[in-house]
Amino acid sequence: DGGDGLVAFRREKYVPEGGPAGGDGGKGGDVIFRVDEGLRTLMDFRYQ
């Protein structure tokens, strides 16, 4: 899942009317299948 965005505001000293400062959430990871010539069976998928 993607990360949630944030509601935040700048409140530092000497920064008048700092305004909104909430960043975006990060992208979720993809599930990627990669061929490995060292494998010869789907045995691993029997348990996971």
All heavy atoms as atom14 arrays in JSON, in Angstrom:
{
  "sequence": "DGGDGLVAFRREKYVPEGGPAGGDGGKGGDVIFRVDEGLRTLMDFRYQ",
  "atom14_mask": [
    [1, 1, 1, 1, 1, 1, 1, 1, 0, 0, 0, 0, 0, 0],
    [1, 1, 1, 1, 0, 0, 0, 0, 0, 0, 0, 0, 0, 0],
    [1, 1, 1, 1, 0, 0, 0, 0, 0, 0, 0, 0, 0, 0],
    [1, 1, 1, 1, 1, 1, 1, 1, 0, 0, 0, 0, 0, 0],
    [1, 1, 1, 1, 0, 0, 0, 0, 0, 0, 0, 0, 0, 0],
    [1, 1, 1, 1, 1, 1, 1, 1, 0, 0, 0, 0, 0, 0],
    [1, 1, 1, 1, 1, 1, 1, 0, 0, 0, 0, 0, 0, 0],
    [1, 1, 1, 1, 1, 0, 0, 0, 0, 0, 0, 0, 0, 0],
    [1, 1, 1, 1, 1, 1, 1, 1, 1, 1, 1, 0, 0, 0],
    [1, 1, 1, 1, 1, 1, 1, 1, 1, 1, 1, 0, 0, 0],
    [1, 1, 1, 1, 1, 1, 1, 1, 1, 1, 1, 0, 0, 0],
    [1, 1, 1, 1, 1, 1, 1, 1, 1, 0, 0, 0, 0, 0],
    [1, 1, 1, 1, 1, 1, 1, 1, 1, 0, 0, 0, 0, 0],
    [1, 1, 1, 1, 1, 1, 1, 1, 1, 1, 1, 1, 0, 0],
    [1, 1, 1, 1, 1, 1, 1, 0, 0, 0, 0, 0, 0, 0],
    [1, 1, 1, 1, 1, 1, 1, 0, 0, 0, 0, 0, 0, 0],
    [1, 1, 1, 1, 1, 1, 1, 1, 1, 0, 0, 0, 0, 0],
    [1, 1, 1, 1, 0, 0, 0, 0, 0, 0, 0, 0, 0, 0],
    [1, 1, 1, 1, 0, 0, 0, 0, 0, 0, 0, 0, 0, 0],
    [1, 1, 1, 1, 1, 1, 1, 0, 0, 0, 0, 0, 0, 0],
    [1, 1, 1, 1, 1, 0, 0, 0, 0, 0, 0, 0, 0, 0],
    [1, 1, 1, 1, 0, 0, 0, 0, 0, 0, 0, 0, 0, 0],
    [1, 1, 1, 1, 0, 0, 0, 0, 0, 0, 0, 0, 0, 0],
    [1, 1, 1, 1, 1, 1, 1, 1, 0, 0, 0, 0, 0, 0],
    [1, 1, 1, 1, 0, 0, 0, 0, 0, 0, 0, 0, 0, 0],
    [1, 1, 1, 1, 0, 0, 0, 0, 0, 0, 0, 0, 0, 0],
    [1, 1, 1, 1, 1, 1, 1, 1, 1, 0, 0, 0, 0, 0],
    [1, 1, 1, 1, 0, 0, 0, 0, 0, 0, 0, 0, 0, 0],
    [1, 1, 1, 1, 0, 0, 0, 0, 0, 0, 0, 0, 0, 0],
    [1, 1, 1, 1, 1, 1, 1, 1, 0, 0, 0, 0, 0, 0],
    [1, 1, 1, 1, 1, 1, 1, 0, 0, 0, 0, 0, 0, 0],
    [1, 1, 1, 1, 1, 1, 1, 1, 0, 0, 0, 0, 0, 0],
    [1, 1, 1, 1, 1, 1, 1, 1, 1, 1, 1, 0, 0, 0],
    [1, 1, 1, 1, 1, 1, 1, 1, 1, 1, 1, 0, 0, 0],
    [1, 1, 1, 1, 1, 1, 1, 0, 0, 0, 0, 0, 0, 0],
    [1, 1, 1, 1, 1, 1, 1, 1, 0, 0, 0, 0, 0, 0],
    [1, 1, 1, 1, 1, 1, 1, 1, 1, 0, 0, 0, 0, 0],
    [1, 1, 1, 1, 0, 0, 0, 0, 0, 0, 0, 0, 0, 0],
    [1, 1, 1, 1, 1, 1, 1, 1, 0, 0, 0, 0, 0, 0],
    [1, 1, 1, 1, 1, 1, 1, 1, 1, 1, 1, 0, 0, 0],
    [1, 1, 1, 1, 1, 1, 1, 0, 0, 0, 0, 0, 0, 0],
    [1, 1, 1, 1, 1, 1, 1, 1, 0, 0, 0, 0, 0, 0],
    [1, 1, 1, 1, 1, 1, 1, 1, 0, 0, 0, 0, 0, 0],
    [1, 1, 1, 1, 1, 1, 1, 1, 0, 0, 0, 0, 0, 0],
    [1, 1, 1, 1, 1, 1, 1, 1, 1, 1, 1, 0, 0, 0],
    [1, 1, 1, 1, 1, 1, 1, 1, 1, 1, 1, 0, 0, 0],
    [1, 1, 1, 1, 1, 1, 1, 1, 1, 1, 1, 1, 0, 0],
    [1, 1, 1, 1, 1, 1, 1, 1, 1, 0, 0, 0, 0, 0]
  ],
  "atom14_positions": [
    [[0.84, -1.2, 0.0], [0.0, 0.0, 0.0], [0.88, 1.25, 0.0], [1.99, 1.25, 0.53], [-0.91, 0.02, 1.23], [-1.89, -1.14, 1.25], [-2.16, -1.7, 0.16], [-2.38, -1.48, 2.34], [0.0, 0.0, 0.0], [0.0, 0.0, 0.0], [0.0, 0.0, 0.0], [0.0, 0.0, 0.0], [0.0, 0.0, 0.0], [0.0, 0.0, 0.0]],
    [[0.36, 2.31, -0.59], [1.08, 3.58, -0.55], [1.02, 4.2, 0.84], [0.08, 3.96, 1.61], [0.0, 0.0, 0.0], [0.0, 0.0, 0.0], [0.0, 0.0, 0.0], [0.0, 0.0, 0.0], [0.0, 0.0, 0.0], [0.0, 0.0, 0.0], [0.0, 0.0, 0.0], [0.0, 0.0, 0.0], [0.0, 0.0, 0.0], [0.0, 0.0, 0.0]],
    [[2.02, 4.97, 1.2], [2.03, 5.65, 2.49], [1.03, 6.81, 2.52], [0.72, 7.41, 1.48], [0.0, 0.0, 0.0], [0.0, 0.0, 0.0], [0.0, 0.0, 0.0], [0.0, 0.0, 0.0], [0.0, 0.0, 0.0], [0.0, 0.0, 0.0], [0.0, 0.0, 0.0], [0.0, 0.0, 0.0], [0.0, 0.0, 0.0], [0.0, 0.0, 0.0]],
    [[0.53, 7.12, 3.69], [-0.44, 8.21, 3.83], [0.24, 9.58, 3.75], [1.38, 9.74, 4.22], [-1.17, 8.1, 5.17], [-1.99, 6.82, 5.28], [-2.29, 6.23, 4.22], [-2.3, 6.41, 6.42], [0.0, 0.0, 0.0], [0.0, 0.0, 0.0], [0.0, 0.0, 0.0], [0.0, 0.0, 0.0], [0.0, 0.0, 0.0], [0.0, 0.0, 0.0]],
    [[-0.45, 10.53, 3.16], [0.03, 11.91, 3.18], [-0.19, 12.52, 4.56], [-0.95, 12.01, 5.38], [0.0, 0.0, 0.0], [0.0, 0.0, 0.0], [0.0, 0.0, 0.0], [0.0, 0.0, 0.0], [0.0, 0.0, 0.0], [0.0, 0.0, 0.0], [0.0, 0.0, 0.0], [0.0, 0.0, 0.0], [0.0, 0.0, 0.0], [0.0, 0.0, 0.0]],
    [[0.47, 13.64, 4.83], [0.45, 14.24, 6.17], [-0.1, 15.66, 6.12], [0.15, 16.41, 5.17], [1.87, 14.26, 6.75], [2.01, 14.8, 8.19], [1.38, 13.84, 9.19], [3.48, 15.04, 8.52], [0.0, 0.0, 0.0], [0.0, 0.0, 0.0], [0.0, 0.0, 0.0], [0.0, 0.0, 0.0], [0.0, 0.0, 0.0], [0.0, 0.0, 0.0]],
    [[-0.85, 15.99, 7.17], [-1.27, 17.37, 7.38], [-0.33, 17.99, 8.41], [-0.25, 17.52, 9.56], [-2.72, 17.45, 7.89], [-3.07, 18.9, 8.22], [-3.67, 16.9, 6.83], [0.0, 0.0, 0.0], [0.0, 0.0, 0.0], [0.0, 0.0, 0.0], [0.0, 0.0, 0.0], [0.0, 0.0, 0.0], [0.0, 0.0, 0.0], [0.0, 0.0, 0.0]],
    [[0.44, 18.98, 8.03], [1.39, 19.63, 8.94], [1.61, 21.07, 8.49], [1.35, 21.42, 7.33], [2.71, 18.86, 8.97], [0.0, 0.0, 0.0], [0.0, 0.0, 0.0], [0.0, 0.0, 0.0], [0.0, 0.0, 0.0], [0.0, 0.0, 0.0], [0.0, 0.0, 0.0], [0.0, 0.0, 0.0], [0.0, 0.0, 0.0], [0.0, 0.0, 0.0]],
    [[2.09, 21.89, 9.42], [2.35, 23.3, 9.12], [3.7, 23.7, 9.71], [4.13, 23.16, 10.73], [1.24, 24.18, 9.72], [-0.11, 23.9, 9.14], [-0.96, 22.97, 9.73], [-0.53, 24.56, 8.0], [-2.21, 22.72, 9.21], [-1.78, 24.31, 7.46], [-2.62, 23.37, 8.07], [0.0, 0.0, 0.0], [0.0, 0.0, 0.0], [0.0, 0.0, 0.0]],
    [[4.33, 24.66, 9.06], [5.62, 25.16, 9.54], [5.39, 26.14, 10.7], [4.59, 27.07, 10.59], [6.38, 25.86, 8.41], [6.7, 24.93, 7.25], [7.73, 25.54, 6.33], [9.03, 25.69, 6.99], [10.13, 26.12, 6.37], [10.06, 26.49, 5.1], [11.26, 26.23, 7.03], [0.0, 0.0, 0.0], [0.0, 0.0, 0.0], [0.0, 0.0, 0.0]],
    [[6.11, 25.88, 11.76], [5.95, 26.76, 12.94], [7.31, 27.19, 13.49], [7.48, 27.42, 14.67], [5.15, 26.01, 14.03], [3.7, 25.75, 13.65], [2.93, 25.11, 14.8], [1.51, 24.97, 14.5], [0.96, 23.94, 13.88], [1.75, 22.95, 13.5], [-0.33, 23.9, 13.65], [0.0, 0.0, 0.0], [0.0, 0.0, 0.0], [0.0, 0.0, 0.0]],
    [[8.31, 27.27, 12.63], [9.63, 27.67, 13.11], [9.69, 29.17, 13.42], [8.96, 29.97, 12.81], [10.72, 27.33, 12.08], [10.88, 25.84, 11.84], [10.51, 25.46, 10.42], [9.41, 25.84, 9.95], [11.33, 24.82, 9.78], [0.0, 0.0, 0.0], [0.0, 0.0, 0.0], [0.0, 0.0, 0.0], [0.0, 0.0, 0.0], [0.0, 0.0, 0.0]],
    [[10.55, 29.49, 14.29], [10.79, 30.89, 14.59], [11.37, 31.59, 13.36], [12.16, 31.0, 12.6], [11.78, 30.98, 15.76], [11.88, 32.36, 16.41], [12.8, 32.29, 17.61], [12.89, 33.65, 18.31], [13.79, 33.6, 19.49], [0.0, 0.0, 0.0], [0.0, 0.0, 0.0], [0.0, 0.0, 0.0], [0.0, 0.0, 0.0], [0.0, 0.0, 0.0]],
    [[11.02, 32.82, 13.2], [11.48, 33.63, 12.07], [10.94, 33.16, 10.72], [11.48, 33.51, 9.67], [13.01, 33.68, 12.0], [13.66, 34.09, 13.3], [14.52, 33.23, 13.97], [13.37, 35.34, 13.88], [15.11, 33.59, 15.17], [13.95, 35.7, 15.09], [14.81, 34.83, 15.73], [15.38, 35.19, 16.93], [0.0, 0.0, 0.0], [0.0, 0.0, 0.0]],
    [[9.91, 32.3, 10.73], [9.27, 31.91, 9.47], [7.8, 32.31, 9.57], [6.93, 31.49, 9.9], [9.41, 30.39, 9.2], [8.82, 30.05, 7.83], [10.86, 29.98, 9.27], [0.0, 0.0, 0.0], [0.0, 0.0, 0.0], [0.0, 0.0, 0.0], [0.0, 0.0, 0.0], [0.0, 0.0, 0.0], [0.0, 0.0, 0.0], [0.0, 0.0, 0.0]],
    [[7.5, 33.58, 9.32], [6.12, 34.04, 9.46], [5.23, 33.43, 8.38], [5.64, 33.27, 7.22], [6.22, 35.56, 9.29], [7.46, 35.76, 8.46], [8.4, 34.66, 8.86], [0.0, 0.0, 0.0], [0.0, 0.0, 0.0], [0.0, 0.0, 0.0], [0.0, 0.0, 0.0], [0.0, 0.0, 0.0], [0.0, 0.0, 0.0], [0.0, 0.0, 0.0]],
    [[4.03, 33.04, 8.78], [3.06, 32.47, 7.85], [3.69, 31.33, 7.05], [3.7, 31.32, 5.82], [2.52, 33.55, 6.91], [1.81, 34.68, 7.65], [1.32, 35.77, 6.72], [1.59, 35.68, 5.51], [0.67, 36.7, 7.2], [0.0, 0.0, 0.0], [0.0, 0.0, 0.0], [0.0, 0.0, 0.0], [0.0, 0.0, 0.0], [0.0, 0.0, 0.0]],
    [[4.25, 30.39, 7.78], [5.0, 29.3, 7.13], [4.17, 28.47, 6.18], [4.67, 27.96, 5.18], [0.0, 0.0, 0.0], [0.0, 0.0, 0.0], [0.0, 0.0, 0.0], [0.0, 0.0, 0.0], [0.0, 0.0, 0.0], [0.0, 0.0, 0.0], [0.0, 0.0, 0.0], [0.0, 0.0, 0.0], [0.0, 0.0, 0.0], [0.0, 0.0, 0.0]],
    [[2.9, 28.32, 6.47], [2.03, 27.59, 5.55], [2.11, 26.07, 5.7], [2.76, 25.54, 6.6], [0.0, 0.0, 0.0], [0.0, 0.0, 0.0], [0.0, 0.0, 0.0], [0.0, 0.0, 0.0], [0.0, 0.0, 0.0], [0.0, 0.0, 0.0], [0.0, 0.0, 0.0], [0.0, 0.0, 0.0], [0.0, 0.0, 0.0], [0.0, 0.0, 0.0]],
    [[1.44, 25.35, 4.8], [1.38, 23.88, 4.88], [2.75, 23.27, 4.65], [3.55, 23.76, 3.84], [0.4, 23.5, 3.78], [0.45, 24.63, 2.81], [0.7, 25.86, 3.62], [0.0, 0.0, 0.0], [0.0, 0.0, 0.0], [0.0, 0.0, 0.0], [0.0, 0.0, 0.0], [0.0, 0.0, 0.0], [0.0, 0.0, 0.0], [0.0, 0.0, 0.0]],
    [[3.03, 22.15, 5.34], [4.34, 21.5, 5.2], [4.23, 20.0, 5.36], [5.17, 19.34, 5.78], [5.32, 22.07, 6.24], [0.0, 0.0, 0.0], [0.0, 0.0, 0.0], [0.0, 0.0, 0.0], [0.0, 0.0, 0.0], [0.0, 0.0, 0.0], [0.0, 0.0, 0.0], [0.0, 0.0, 0.0], [0.0, 0.0, 0.0], [0.0, 0.0, 0.0]],
    [[3.06, 19.44, 5.02], [2.9, 17.99, 5.1], [3.3, 17.32, 3.81], [2.8, 17.64, 2.73], [0.0, 0.0, 0.0], [0.0, 0.0, 0.0], [0.0, 0.0, 0.0], [0.0, 0.0, 0.0], [0.0, 0.0, 0.0], [0.0, 0.0, 0.0], [0.0, 0.0, 0.0], [0.0, 0.0, 0.0], [0.0, 0.0, 0.0], [0.0, 0.0, 0.0]],
    [[4.22, 16.35, 3.87], [4.74, 15.69, 2.68], [3.86, 14.54, 2.19], [2.95, 14.08, 2.88], [0.0, 0.0, 0.0], [0.0, 0.0, 0.0], [0.0, 0.0, 0.0], [0.0, 0.0, 0.0], [0.0, 0.0, 0.0], [0.0, 0.0, 0.0], [0.0, 0.0, 0.0], [0.0, 0.0, 0.0], [0.0, 0.0, 0.0], [0.0, 0.0, 0.0]],
    [[4.18, 14.08, 0.99], [3.46, 12.95, 0.4], [3.95, 11.63, 0.99], [5.1, 11.51, 1.42], [3.67, 12.91, -1.11], [3.18, 14.17, -1.81], [2.41, 14.92, -1.17], [3.55, 14.36, -2.98], [0.0, 0.0, 0.0], [0.0, 0.0, 0.0], [0.0, 0.0, 0.0], [0.0, 0.0, 0.0], [0.0, 0.0, 0.0], [0.0, 0.0, 0.0]],
    [[3.08, 10.64, 0.95], [3.48, 9.29, 1.34], [4.28, 8.62, 0.24], [4.2, 8.99, -0.94], [0.0, 0.0, 0.0], [0.0, 0.0, 0.0], [0.0, 0.0, 0.0], [0.0, 0.0, 0.0], [0.0, 0.0, 0.0], [0.0, 0.0, 0.0], [0.0, 0.0, 0.0], [0.0, 0.0, 0.0], [0.0, 0.0, 0.0], [0.0, 0.0, 0.0]],
    [[5.09, 7.62, 0.61], [5.9, 6.9, -0.37], [5.11, 5.82, -1.1], [4.09, 5.34, -0.62], [0.0, 0.0, 0.0], [0.0, 0.0, 0.0], [0.0, 0.0, 0.0], [0.0, 0.0, 0.0], [0.0, 0.0, 0.0], [0.0, 0.0, 0.0], [0.0, 0.0, 0.0], [0.0, 0.0, 0.0], [0.0, 0.0, 0.0], [0.0, 0.0, 0.0]],
    [[5.58, 5.43, -2.26], [4.94, 4.39, -3.06], [5.15, 3.02, -2.42], [6.22, 2.72, -1.89], [5.51, 4.4, -4.48], [4.94, 3.33, -5.39], [5.6, 3.36, -6.75], [5.11, 2.23, -7.65], [5.37, 0.89, -7.11], [0.0, 0.0, 0.0], [0.0, 0.0, 0.0], [0.0, 0.0, 0.0], [0.0, 0.0, 0.0], [0.0, 0.0, 0.0]],
    [[4.14, 2.17, -2.5], [4.28, 0.79, -2.01], [5.15, -0.03, -2.93], [5.3, 0.26, -4.12], [0.0, 0.0, 0.0], [0.0, 0.0, 0.0], [0.0, 0.0, 0.0], [0.0, 0.0, 0.0], [0.0, 0.0, 0.0], [0.0, 0.0, 0.0], [0.0, 0.0, 0.0], [0.0, 0.0, 0.0], [0.0, 0.0, 0.0], [0.0, 0.0, 0.0]],
    [[5.75, -1.08, -2.41], [6.63, -1.92, -3.21], [5.87, -2.8, -4.19], [4.75, -3.23, -3.93], [0.0, 0.0, 0.0], [0.0, 0.0, 0.0], [0.0, 0.0, 0.0], [0.0, 0.0, 0.0], [0.0, 0.0, 0.0], [0.0, 0.0, 0.0], [0.0, 0.0, 0.0], [0.0, 0.0, 0.0], [0.0, 0.0, 0.0], [0.0, 0.0, 0.0]],
    [[6.48, -3.06, -5.35], [5.92, -3.99, -6.33], [6.34, -5.41, -5.99], [7.39, -5.64, -5.37], [6.42, -3.66, -7.74], [5.98, -2.29, -8.22], [4.94, -1.81, -7.75], [6.69, -1.71, -9.08], [0.0, 0.0, 0.0], [0.0, 0.0, 0.0], [0.0, 0.0, 0.0], [0.0, 0.0, 0.0], [0.0, 0.0, 0.0], [0.0, 0.0, 0.0]],
    [[5.53, -6.38, -6.41], [5.93, -7.79, -6.34], [6.43, -8.17, -7.73], [5.66, -8.16, -8.7], [4.77, -8.69, -5.91], [5.22, -10.16, -5.87], [4.25, -8.28, -4.53], [0.0, 0.0, 0.0], [0.0, 0.0, 0.0], [0.0, 0.0, 0.0], [0.0, 0.0, 0.0], [0.0, 0.0, 0.0], [0.0, 0.0, 0.0], [0.0, 0.0, 0.0]],
    [[7.72, -8.48, -7.82], [8.36, -8.76, -9.1], [8.84, -10.21, -9.13], [9.51, -10.66, -8.21], [9.54, -7.8, -9.34], [9.05, -6.35, -9.35], [10.27, -8.14, -10.63], [10.17, -5.33, -9.47], [0.0, 0.0, 0.0], [0.0, 0.0, 0.0], [0.0, 0.0, 0.0], [0.0, 0.0, 0.0], [0.0, 0.0, 0.0], [0.0, 0.0, 0.0]],
    [[8.52, -10.92, -10.2], [9.01, -12.28, -10.39], [10.22, -12.23, -11.31], [10.18, -11.6, -12.36], [7.93, -13.17, -11.0], [6.91, -13.65, -10.0], [6.42, -12.8, -9.03], [6.44, -14.95, -10.03], [5.49, -13.23, -8.11], [5.51, -15.4, -9.11], [5.02, -14.53, -8.15], [0.0, 0.0, 0.0], [0.0, 0.0, 0.0], [0.0, 0.0, 0.0]],
    [[11.3, -12.9, -10.87], [12.56, -12.88, -11.62], [13.02, -14.32, -11.86], [13.03, -15.15, -10.94], [13.63, -12.11, -10.86], [15.0, -12.1, -11.53], [16.02, -11.42, -10.65], [15.71, -10.0, -10.45], [16.27, -9.25, -9.52], [17.15, -9.78, -8.67], [15.95, -7.97, -9.41], [0.0, 0.0, 0.0], [0.0, 0.0, 0.0], [0.0, 0.0, 0.0]],
    [[13.45, -14.6, -13.08], [13.92, -15.94, -13.43], [15.32, -16.17, -12.9], [16.21, -15.34, -13.09], [13.89, -16.15, -14.96], [14.46, -17.52, -15.33], [12.48, -16.0, -15.5], [0.0, 0.0, 0.0], [0.0, 0.0, 0.0], [0.0, 0.0, 0.0], [0.0, 0.0, 0.0], [0.0, 0.0, 0.0], [0.0, 0.0, 0.0], [0.0, 0.0, 0.0]],
    [[15.51, -17.31, -12.23], [16.81, -17.71, -11.71], [17.12, -19.09, -12.28], [16.46, -20.08, -11.98], [16.78, -17.78, -10.18], [18.15, -18.08, -9.57], [19.04, -18.57, -10.31], [18.32, -17.85, -8.36], [0.0, 0.0, 0.0], [0.0, 0.0, 0.0], [0.0, 0.0, 0.0], [0.0, 0.0, 0.0], [0.0, 0.0, 0.0], [0.0, 0.0, 0.0]],
    [[18.15, -19.15, -13.16], [18.45, -20.41, -13.83], [18.98, -21.49, -12.87], [19.1, -22.66, -13.24], [19.46, -20.19, -14.95], [20.81, -19.67, -14.48], [21.77, -19.38, -15.61], [21.35, -19.46, -16.78], [22.93, -19.05, -15.32], [0.0, 0.0, 0.0], [0.0, 0.0, 0.0], [0.0, 0.0, 0.0], [0.0, 0.0, 0.0], [0.0, 0.0, 0.0]],
    [[19.27, -21.11, -11.63], [19.72, -22.09, -10.65], [18.58, -22.9, -10.06], [18.81, -23.87, -9.34], [0.0, 0.0, 0.0], [0.0, 0.0, 0.0], [0.0, 0.0, 0.0], [0.0, 0.0, 0.0], [0.0, 0.0, 0.0], [0.0, 0.0, 0.0], [0.0, 0.0, 0.0], [0.0, 0.0, 0.0], [0.0, 0.0, 0.0], [0.0, 0.0, 0.0]],
    [[17.33, -22.5, -10.34], [16.18, -23.23, -9.81], [15.63, -24.18, -10.87], [15.66, -23.89, -12.06], [15.08, -22.24, -9.39], [15.45, -21.23, -8.3], [14.26, -20.3, -8.03], [15.86, -21.94, -7.01], [0.0, 0.0, 0.0], [0.0, 0.0, 0.0], [0.0, 0.0, 0.0], [0.0, 0.0, 0.0], [0.0, 0.0, 0.0], [0.0, 0.0, 0.0]],
    [[15.1, -25.31, -10.42], [14.55, -26.3, -11.33], [13.17, -26.79, -10.92], [12.63, -27.69, -11.54], [15.51, -27.5, -11.45], [16.74, -27.25, -12.31], [16.36, -27.09, -13.77], [17.5, -26.86, -14.63], [17.94, -25.68, -15.0], [17.29, -24.61, -14.54], [18.96, -25.53, -15.79], [0.0, 0.0, 0.0], [0.0, 0.0, 0.0], [0.0, 0.0, 0.0]],
    [[12.6, -26.25, -9.85], [11.32, -26.71, -9.34], [10.61, -25.57, -8.62], [11.23, -24.57, -8.25], [11.51, -27.9, -8.38], [10.26, -28.27, -7.81], [12.48, -27.55, -7.27], [0.0, 0.0, 0.0], [0.0, 0.0, 0.0], [0.0, 0.0, 0.0], [0.0, 0.0, 0.0], [0.0, 0.0, 0.0], [0.0, 0.0, 0.0], [0.0, 0.0, 0.0]],
    [[9.3, -25.73, -8.44], [8.5, -24.75, -7.7], [8.32, -25.18, -6.25], [7.35, -24.8, -5.6], [7.13, -24.59, -8.37], [7.12, -24.11, -9.82], [5.71, -24.1, -10.38], [7.75, -22.72, -9.94], [0.0, 0.0, 0.0], [0.0, 0.0, 0.0], [0.0, 0.0, 0.0], [0.0, 0.0, 0.0], [0.0, 0.0, 0.0], [0.0, 0.0, 0.0]],
    [[9.28, -25.94, -5.75], [9.18, -26.49, -4.4], [9.0, -25.4, -3.35], [8.24, -25.57, -2.38], [10.46, -27.3, -4.09], [10.43, -27.99, -2.75], [9.19, -29.28, -2.7], [9.37, -29.84, -1.01], [0.0, 0.0, 0.0], [0.0, 0.0, 0.0], [0.0, 0.0, 0.0], [0.0, 0.0, 0.0], [0.0, 0.0, 0.0], [0.0, 0.0, 0.0]],
    [[9.66, -24.27, -3.51], [9.58, -23.21, -2.51], [8.15, -22.71, -2.32], [7.78, -22.28, -1.22], [10.47, -22.03, -2.9], [11.95, -22.38, -2.85], [12.28, -23.4, -2.22], [12.77, -21.66, -3.45], [0.0, 0.0, 0.0], [0.0, 0.0, 0.0], [0.0, 0.0, 0.0], [0.0, 0.0, 0.0], [0.0, 0.0, 0.0], [0.0, 0.0, 0.0]],
    [[7.34, -22.79, -3.36], [5.97, -22.27, -3.29], [5.02, -23.27, -2.63], [3.85, -22.95, -2.46], [5.48, -21.9, -4.68], [6.32, -20.85, -5.34], [7.3, -21.18, -6.26], [6.16, -19.51, -5.01], [8.08, -20.22, -6.86], [6.93, -18.53, -5.61], [7.9, -18.89, -6.53], [0.0, 0.0, 0.0], [0.0, 0.0, 0.0], [0.0, 0.0, 0.0]],
    [[5.53, -24.43, -2.28], [4.68, -25.38, -1.57], [4.52, -24.96, -0.11], [3.51, -25.26, 0.52], [5.3, -26.77, -1.65], [4.45, -27.85, -0.98], [5.0, -29.22, -1.22], [4.16, -30.25, -0.63], [4.39, -31.54, -0.72], [5.43, -31.98, -1.41], [3.58, -32.41, -0.15], [0.0, 0.0, 0.0], [0.0, 0.0, 0.0], [0.0, 0.0, 0.0]],
    [[5.52, -24.26, 0.41], [5.51, -23.89, 1.82], [5.2, -22.41, 2.03], [4.7, -22.04, 3.08], [6.86, -24.24, 2.45], [7.19, -25.71, 2.33], [8.11, -26.16, 1.39], [6.57, -26.64, 3.14], [8.4, -27.5, 1.26], [6.86, -28.0, 3.03], [7.77, -28.43, 2.08], [8.04, -29.77, 1.96], [0.0, 0.0, 0.0], [0.0, 0.0, 0.0]],
    [[5.51, -21.58, 1.07], [5.17, -20.16, 1.17], [4.24, -19.8, 0.03], [4.63, -19.84, -1.14], [6.41, -19.28, 1.12], [6.1, -17.8, 1.31], [7.34, -16.92, 1.29], [8.46, -17.43, 1.22], [7.15, -15.62, 1.36], [0.0, 0.0, 0.0], [0.0, 0.0, 0.0], [0.0, 0.0, 0.0], [0.0, 0.0, 0.0], [0.0, 0.0, 0.0]]
  ]
}
